[in-house]
Each structure stands twice: as structure tokens, then as C-alpha cells.
Amino acid sequence: MTKKFRKLLHVAGYFALALALLLAPAMPAFATSPTNINAQTPVGPYPTAVGSGALTISSTAADTTNGNSTVLSGHEVLCATNSSGSTAYTITINSVADQYGRTSDITAYSIALNTTACFSFLGGVTGWKQSDGTVHFQGSNALILFTVYYVLR
């Protein structure tokens, strides 16, 4: 390897490092797509028949590697249950800039053991709906169980 070629590789390495540092703030918190959680519609108020399992709502463990998301239409309520019997864990709900450029993430919101916290998007999705039509959220531990309710008005 010639001296000139080694110098070229050295410069290329610095260029790659500078490019990575420049682009790092624009990278999302998770390198892959968040794991989607489908919203569920509770039965009621006047069902004709309620069969076995018709009232069951399931929860999904937080994906601590990729984060989670759900399609956001303005009919959703996001609930997070801390199923741990001994430790408080946290959730984060990511906001996006609204028409005025404001953001307001809900960051590291602590949920006590064996309790549930809910956030309603019924009043609007401005500032929460990502460019892909979803809201992104994370749990600090897989013992956080997410449930997304679709509420008809």
C-alpha cells in the first residue's frame, strides 16, 4: 500500500466520521420501525349478543428494543399498565412539532407497580401524529403492558 493511498484512506475515515456525527441528530431514537399495536374497540353499550371472549381486551408487552406505535386517528386512548409487583417503570410518548413548531414529549413518566396510566388522543392528534400516521411510544421494561382502545363518539 502506497503512502499516498494510506493518506487517502485516512482522510476518507475522517470524512465518514464527520458525516456520521452530522447526521446523528436526525436519526430516530430506534433504528428500526416500532412494533405496531392495533387499537381495540370495546363492546357496548347495546350489543345484541355477547359471546365468549367478546369483551376481552388484550395487552402487548412493551418492545424495549424497537419501541411501539399505533395508528392515530383521534379515536384512541393509550393505556400502559405496570405489571411488575415490585418496581416502578416508565413510559415515553413522542410528540412531533405542531404548526407552531412546538413539541412536548411525555418523557420517562413513572408508573407505580400494579397501576395503569392512560393518555387520550380524543381531543386531537396535532403534535402527536408522526409522518407515518402513527404515534410512537416506549416502555422502559417489558413488564409495561400497552393497550390501545379505539373509542367511538
Protein backbone atom coordinates (compact mmCIF):
# COMPACT_ATOMS: atom_id res chain seq x y z
CA MET A 1 0.00 0.00 0.00
CA THR A 2 1.48 3.31 -1.02
CA LYS A 3 1.84 6.25 1.31
CA LYS A 4 -0.50 8.32 -0.85
CA PHE A 5 -3.20 5.62 -0.72
CA ARG A 6 -2.91 5.32 3.07
CA LYS A 7 -3.31 9.09 3.39
CA LEU A 8 -6.42 8.93 1.18
CA LEU A 9 -7.92 6.19 3.40
CA HIS A 10 -7.12 8.26 6.48
CA VAL A 11 -8.92 11.32 5.06
CA ALA A 12 -11.87 9.17 3.95
CA GLY A 13 -12.17 7.80 7.50
CA TYR A 14 -12.36 11.33 8.95
CA PHE A 15 -14.94 12.28 6.33
CA ALA A 16 -17.10 9.27 7.24
CA LEU A 17 -16.86 10.12 10.95
CA ALA A 18 -17.80 13.75 10.33
CA LEU A 19 -20.76 12.70 8.20
CA ALA A 20 -21.98 10.28 10.88
CA LEU A 21 -21.74 12.98 13.57
CA LEU A 22 -23.57 15.45 11.35
CA LEU A 23 -26.44 13.04 10.65
CA ALA A 24 -26.72 11.60 14.18
CA PRO A 25 -29.24 14.20 15.48
CA ALA A 26 -31.56 13.46 12.54
CA MET A 27 -31.65 9.72 13.24
CA PRO A 28 -34.71 8.38 15.02
CA ALA A 29 -34.49 7.01 18.56
CA PHE A 30 -34.90 3.50 17.16
CA ALA A 31 -33.03 2.22 14.13
CA THR A 32 -35.91 0.02 13.01
CA SER A 33 -39.65 0.57 12.79
CA PRO A 34 -41.56 0.50 16.05
CA THR A 35 -43.70 -2.56 16.76
CA ASN A 36 -47.32 -1.73 15.92
CA ILE A 37 -50.11 -2.32 18.42
CA ASN A 38 -53.60 -2.44 16.93
CA ALA A 39 -56.35 -0.45 18.62
CA GLN A 40 -59.26 -2.46 20.01
CA THR A 41 -62.89 -1.33 20.17
CA PRO A 42 -64.72 -2.16 23.39
CA VAL A 43 -68.18 -3.70 23.00
CA GLY A 44 -71.19 -1.68 24.07
CA PRO A 45 -73.45 -0.10 25.03
CA TYR A 46 -76.26 -2.20 23.49
CA PRO A 47 -74.86 -5.37 21.93
CA THR A 48 -77.37 -7.89 20.60
CA ALA A 49 -75.40 -10.81 21.96
CA VAL A 50 -72.15 -11.15 23.88
CA GLY A 51 -70.39 -14.39 23.11
CA SER A 52 -67.47 -15.96 24.88
CA GLY A 53 -64.39 -13.73 24.65
CA ALA A 54 -66.31 -10.81 23.08
CA LEU A 55 -65.44 -8.50 25.98
CA THR A 56 -61.77 -9.47 26.12
CA ILE A 57 -59.21 -6.73 25.50
CA SER A 58 -55.60 -7.84 25.13
CA SER A 59 -52.43 -6.01 26.11
CA THR A 60 -49.00 -6.09 24.49
CA ALA A 61 -45.64 -6.05 26.28
CA ALA A 62 -43.50 -3.01 25.54
CA ASP A 63 -40.91 -3.57 22.84
CA THR A 64 -37.88 -2.14 24.64
CA THR A 65 -35.67 -2.55 21.55
CA ASN A 66 -37.77 -1.01 18.76
CA GLY A 67 -40.40 0.93 20.67
CA ASN A 68 -44.11 0.75 19.84
CA SER A 69 -46.62 2.62 17.71
CA THR A 70 -50.30 2.66 16.85
CA VAL A 71 -52.25 4.24 14.01
CA LEU A 72 -53.59 7.57 15.23
CA SER A 73 -56.98 8.87 14.05
CA GLY A 74 -58.17 10.84 17.08
CA HIS A 75 -60.31 8.00 18.48
CA GLU A 76 -57.56 6.34 20.55
CA VAL A 77 -56.78 6.08 24.24
CA LEU A 78 -53.33 4.67 25.05
CA CYS A 79 -53.04 2.84 28.38
CA ALA A 80 -49.88 1.48 29.96
CA THR A 81 -50.05 -0.98 32.85
CA ASN A 82 -47.04 -1.70 35.03
CA SER A 83 -47.47 -5.42 35.68
CA SER A 84 -44.43 -5.55 37.96
CA GLY A 85 -45.18 -6.40 41.55
CA SER A 86 -42.07 -4.69 42.86
CA THR A 87 -40.68 -1.91 40.64
CA ALA A 88 -41.91 1.34 39.09
CA TYR A 89 -41.17 1.63 35.35
CA THR A 90 -41.51 4.50 32.90
CA ILE A 91 -43.09 5.27 29.54
CA THR A 92 -42.36 7.94 26.95
CA ILE A 93 -44.79 9.23 24.32
CA ASN A 94 -43.06 11.04 21.47
CA SER A 95 -44.51 14.29 20.15
CA VAL A 96 -43.87 16.00 16.83
CA ALA A 97 -43.70 19.69 16.03
CA ASP A 98 -47.16 21.21 15.65
CA GLN A 99 -47.98 24.03 13.22
CA TYR A 100 -46.13 26.42 15.54
CA GLY A 101 -43.02 24.22 15.83
CA ARG A 102 -43.73 23.22 19.45
CA THR A 103 -43.06 19.75 20.81
CA SER A 104 -43.83 18.33 24.22
CA ASP A 105 -42.81 14.71 24.69
CA ILE A 106 -44.11 12.91 27.73
CA THR A 107 -40.73 11.68 28.90
CA ALA A 108 -39.96 8.99 31.49
CA TYR A 109 -43.45 9.15 33.01
CA SER A 110 -43.25 6.87 36.06
CA ILE A 111 -45.96 4.25 36.57
CA ALA A 112 -46.10 2.73 40.04
CA LEU A 113 -46.21 -1.03 40.40
CA ASN A 114 -49.56 -2.66 39.58
CA THR A 115 -51.11 0.56 38.26
CA THR A 116 -52.29 1.86 34.89
CA ALA A 117 -51.75 5.26 33.25
CA CYS A 118 -53.79 6.41 30.22
CA PHE A 119 -53.42 9.20 27.66
CA SER A 120 -56.32 10.23 25.44
CA PHE A 121 -55.99 11.44 21.85
CA LEU A 122 -59.76 12.08 21.65
CA GLY A 123 -59.20 15.86 21.77
CA GLY A 124 -56.90 15.84 18.76
CA VAL A 125 -53.75 14.40 17.25
CA THR A 126 -51.88 17.61 16.42
CA GLY A 127 -48.42 17.42 17.91
CA TRP A 128 -48.58 13.62 18.30
CA LYS A 129 -49.22 12.12 14.85
CA GLN A 130 -45.93 11.14 13.19
CA SER A 131 -45.41 11.49 9.43
CA ASP A 132 -46.29 7.78 9.05
CA GLY A 133 -49.75 8.34 10.62
CA THR A 134 -48.88 6.77 13.98
CA VAL A 135 -47.91 7.83 17.47
CA HIS A 136 -44.64 6.42 18.85
CA PHE A 137 -44.21 5.36 22.47
CA GLN A 138 -41.82 3.29 24.57
CA GLY A 139 -41.80 1.41 27.84
CA SER A 140 -38.63 1.09 29.91
CA ASN A 141 -39.31 -2.59 30.63
CA ALA A 142 -41.30 -5.41 29.00
CA LEU A 143 -43.40 -5.56 32.18
CA ILE A 144 -45.12 -2.43 30.86
CA LEU A 145 -48.21 -3.69 29.02
CA PHE A 146 -49.74 -1.37 26.41
CA THR A 147 -53.41 -1.38 25.44
CA VAL A 148 -54.84 0.90 22.78
CA TYR A 149 -58.59 1.49 22.86
CA TYR A 150 -60.49 2.78 19.83
CA VAL A 151 -63.37 4.85 21.20
CA LEU A 152 -66.38 5.63 19.02
CA ARG A 153 -68.00 9.00 19.68
